[in-house]
Amino acid sequence: RCMAGTLLLHIGVDLFLEGVKDSYGDYDTLEYSGIWLITIVMVVFGMSAALIAGAVAALSVYLFQSIT
């Protein structure tokens, strides 16, 4: 059990760093704030709420970028 927990923690930290830290310069401010929104919603409310927040963030970013 300890080895499985350690592996899950290691993979979770690695995925977090890859998704949030390493993508810092790749996206503009609005898209990057959507990544942080999804991350915070996932930590606070869970995966299902994060999927909905991600869909809303993606549609909002698309709409805003299409207008400007």
N, C-alpha and C. Protein backbone atom coordinates (compact mmCIF):
# COMPACT_ATOMS: atom_id res chain seq x y z
N ARG A 1 0.82 -1.20 0.00
CA ARG A 1 0.00 0.00 0.00
C ARG A 1 0.85 1.25 0.00
N CYS A 2 1.91 1.23 0.73
CA CYS A 2 2.77 2.41 0.82
C CYS A 2 3.41 2.70 -0.54
N MET A 3 3.82 1.66 -1.25
CA MET A 3 4.44 1.86 -2.56
C MET A 3 3.42 2.42 -3.57
N ALA A 4 2.19 1.93 -3.53
CA ALA A 4 1.16 2.43 -4.44
C ALA A 4 0.85 3.90 -4.14
N GLY A 5 0.77 4.25 -2.87
CA GLY A 5 0.51 5.64 -2.50
C GLY A 5 1.64 6.56 -2.92
N THR A 6 2.86 6.10 -2.77
CA THR A 6 4.02 6.88 -3.19
C THR A 6 4.03 7.08 -4.70
N LEU A 7 3.69 6.03 -5.43
CA LEU A 7 3.63 6.13 -6.89
C LEU A 7 2.55 7.10 -7.33
N LEU A 8 1.37 7.02 -6.72
CA LEU A 8 0.29 7.94 -7.06
C LEU A 8 0.66 9.40 -6.75
N LEU A 9 1.33 9.61 -5.62
CA LEU A 9 1.75 10.95 -5.26
C LEU A 9 2.78 11.48 -6.25
N HIS A 10 3.73 10.64 -6.62
CA HIS A 10 4.76 11.04 -7.57
C HIS A 10 4.16 11.39 -8.93
N ILE A 11 3.25 10.56 -9.41
CA ILE A 11 2.61 10.82 -10.70
C ILE A 11 1.74 12.07 -10.62
N GLY A 12 1.03 12.26 -9.51
CA GLY A 12 0.19 13.44 -9.35
C GLY A 12 0.99 14.73 -9.35
N VAL A 13 2.10 14.74 -8.65
CA VAL A 13 2.95 15.93 -8.61
C VAL A 13 3.54 16.20 -9.99
N ASP A 14 3.98 15.14 -10.67
CA ASP A 14 4.56 15.29 -11.99
C ASP A 14 3.54 15.83 -12.99
N LEU A 15 2.32 15.32 -12.96
CA LEU A 15 1.28 15.81 -13.86
C LEU A 15 0.89 17.26 -13.54
N PHE A 16 0.86 17.60 -12.26
CA PHE A 16 0.56 18.98 -11.88
C PHE A 16 1.63 19.93 -12.41
N LEU A 17 2.90 19.58 -12.21
CA LEU A 17 3.97 20.44 -12.68
C LEU A 17 3.97 20.56 -14.20
N GLU A 18 3.68 19.46 -14.88
CA GLU A 18 3.63 19.50 -16.34
C GLU A 18 2.47 20.36 -16.84
N GLY A 19 1.33 20.25 -16.19
CA GLY A 19 0.14 20.98 -16.65
C GLY A 19 0.13 22.44 -16.28
N VAL A 20 0.67 22.79 -15.12
CA VAL A 20 0.56 24.17 -14.64
C VAL A 20 1.88 24.93 -14.78
N LYS A 21 2.94 24.37 -14.26
CA LYS A 21 4.22 25.10 -14.25
C LYS A 21 4.89 25.12 -15.62
N ASP A 22 4.98 23.98 -16.26
CA ASP A 22 5.71 23.90 -17.53
C ASP A 22 4.97 24.57 -18.69
N SER A 23 3.68 24.78 -18.56
CA SER A 23 2.91 25.40 -19.64
C SER A 23 2.78 26.91 -19.46
N TYR A 24 3.58 27.49 -18.57
CA TYR A 24 3.42 28.92 -18.25
C TYR A 24 3.60 29.82 -19.47
N GLY A 25 4.60 29.64 -20.28
CA GLY A 25 4.84 30.54 -21.40
C GLY A 25 4.15 30.13 -22.69
N ASP A 26 3.49 28.98 -22.70
CA ASP A 26 2.91 28.46 -23.93
C ASP A 26 1.55 29.06 -24.27
N TYR A 27 0.85 29.59 -23.29
CA TYR A 27 -0.51 30.09 -23.49
C TYR A 27 -0.58 31.56 -23.10
N ASP A 28 -1.59 32.25 -23.63
CA ASP A 28 -1.76 33.64 -23.21
C ASP A 28 -2.43 33.68 -21.84
N THR A 29 -2.60 34.87 -21.31
CA THR A 29 -3.07 35.02 -19.92
C THR A 29 -4.46 34.44 -19.70
N LEU A 30 -5.34 34.65 -20.64
CA LEU A 30 -6.71 34.15 -20.49
C LEU A 30 -6.76 32.62 -20.48
N GLU A 31 -6.02 31.99 -21.39
CA GLU A 31 -5.99 30.53 -21.43
C GLU A 31 -5.33 29.96 -20.19
N TYR A 32 -4.25 30.60 -19.73
CA TYR A 32 -3.55 30.12 -18.55
C TYR A 32 -4.41 30.28 -17.29
N SER A 33 -5.21 31.34 -17.22
CA SER A 33 -6.11 31.48 -16.08
C SER A 33 -7.19 30.40 -16.11
N GLY A 34 -7.58 29.94 -17.29
CA GLY A 34 -8.50 28.81 -17.39
C GLY A 34 -7.90 27.52 -16.84
N ILE A 35 -6.60 27.34 -17.06
CA ILE A 35 -5.91 26.17 -16.50
C ILE A 35 -5.94 26.23 -14.98
N TRP A 36 -5.67 27.41 -14.42
CA TRP A 36 -5.71 27.55 -12.96
C TRP A 36 -7.13 27.39 -12.42
N LEU A 37 -8.12 27.88 -13.15
CA LEU A 37 -9.52 27.71 -12.73
C LEU A 37 -9.87 26.23 -12.64
N ILE A 38 -9.50 25.47 -13.66
CA ILE A 38 -9.77 24.03 -13.66
C ILE A 38 -9.05 23.35 -12.51
N THR A 39 -7.81 23.73 -12.27
CA THR A 39 -7.03 23.13 -11.18
C THR A 39 -7.66 23.40 -9.83
N ILE A 40 -8.05 24.63 -9.59
CA ILE A 40 -8.63 24.99 -8.29
C ILE A 40 -9.99 24.31 -8.10
N VAL A 41 -10.81 24.30 -9.14
CA VAL A 41 -12.12 23.64 -9.03
C VAL A 41 -11.94 22.15 -8.78
N MET A 42 -10.95 21.53 -9.40
CA MET A 42 -10.72 20.10 -9.21
C MET A 42 -10.29 19.80 -7.77
N VAL A 43 -9.46 20.65 -7.21
CA VAL A 43 -9.00 20.42 -5.83
C VAL A 43 -10.15 20.62 -4.85
N VAL A 44 -10.97 21.64 -5.06
CA VAL A 44 -12.01 21.98 -4.10
C VAL A 44 -13.26 21.10 -4.27
N PHE A 45 -13.70 20.91 -5.52
CA PHE A 45 -14.99 20.27 -5.74
C PHE A 45 -14.93 18.88 -6.36
N GLY A 46 -13.81 18.52 -7.00
CA GLY A 46 -13.69 17.19 -7.58
C GLY A 46 -13.65 17.21 -9.09
N MET A 47 -13.52 16.00 -9.65
CA MET A 47 -13.31 15.84 -11.08
C MET A 47 -14.53 16.23 -11.92
N SER A 48 -15.71 15.87 -11.49
CA SER A 48 -16.91 16.17 -12.28
C SER A 48 -17.13 17.67 -12.42
N ALA A 49 -16.96 18.38 -11.34
CA ALA A 49 -17.11 19.84 -11.38
C ALA A 49 -16.00 20.47 -12.23
N ALA A 50 -14.81 19.88 -12.21
CA ALA A 50 -13.71 20.41 -13.01
C ALA A 50 -13.96 20.20 -14.50
N LEU A 51 -14.61 19.12 -14.87
CA LEU A 51 -14.96 18.91 -16.27
C LEU A 51 -15.93 19.98 -16.76
N ILE A 52 -16.90 20.30 -15.92
CA ILE A 52 -17.86 21.35 -16.28
C ILE A 52 -17.17 22.71 -16.34
N ALA A 53 -16.32 22.98 -15.35
CA ALA A 53 -15.58 24.25 -15.34
C ALA A 53 -14.66 24.35 -16.54
N GLY A 54 -14.06 23.24 -16.95
CA GLY A 54 -13.19 23.24 -18.12
C GLY A 54 -13.96 23.53 -19.39
N ALA A 55 -15.14 22.95 -19.52
CA ALA A 55 -15.96 23.21 -20.70
C ALA A 55 -16.40 24.67 -20.74
N VAL A 56 -16.81 25.21 -19.61
CA VAL A 56 -17.23 26.61 -19.55
C VAL A 56 -16.03 27.53 -19.83
N ALA A 57 -14.87 27.20 -19.27
CA ALA A 57 -13.68 28.03 -19.50
C ALA A 57 -13.27 27.98 -20.97
N ALA A 58 -13.31 26.80 -21.58
CA ALA A 58 -12.92 26.67 -22.99
C ALA A 58 -13.87 27.45 -23.89
N LEU A 59 -15.17 27.35 -23.63
CA LEU A 59 -16.13 28.09 -24.45
C LEU A 59 -15.99 29.61 -24.24
N SER A 60 -15.73 30.01 -23.01
CA SER A 60 -15.56 31.44 -22.73
C SER A 60 -14.31 32.00 -23.41
N VAL A 61 -13.21 31.25 -23.34
CA VAL A 61 -11.98 31.69 -23.99
C VAL A 61 -12.18 31.76 -25.49
N TYR A 62 -12.83 30.77 -26.06
CA TYR A 62 -13.10 30.77 -27.51
C TYR A 62 -13.97 31.97 -27.91
N LEU A 63 -15.00 32.22 -27.14
CA LEU A 63 -15.88 33.35 -27.43
C LEU A 63 -15.14 34.66 -27.34
N PHE A 64 -14.36 34.84 -26.28
CA PHE A 64 -13.62 36.10 -26.09
C PHE A 64 -12.58 36.29 -27.19
N GLN A 65 -11.87 35.22 -27.57
CA GLN A 65 -10.86 35.34 -28.61
C GLN A 65 -11.48 35.54 -29.99
N SER A 66 -12.68 35.04 -30.17
CA SER A 66 -13.36 35.24 -31.46
C SER A 66 -13.85 36.67 -31.63
N ILE A 67 -14.24 37.29 -30.52
CA ILE A 67 -14.75 38.65 -30.57
C ILE A 67 -13.61 39.66 -30.81
N THR A 68 -12.48 39.44 -30.16
CA THR A 68 -11.38 40.40 -30.27
C THR A 68 -10.44 40.11 -31.39
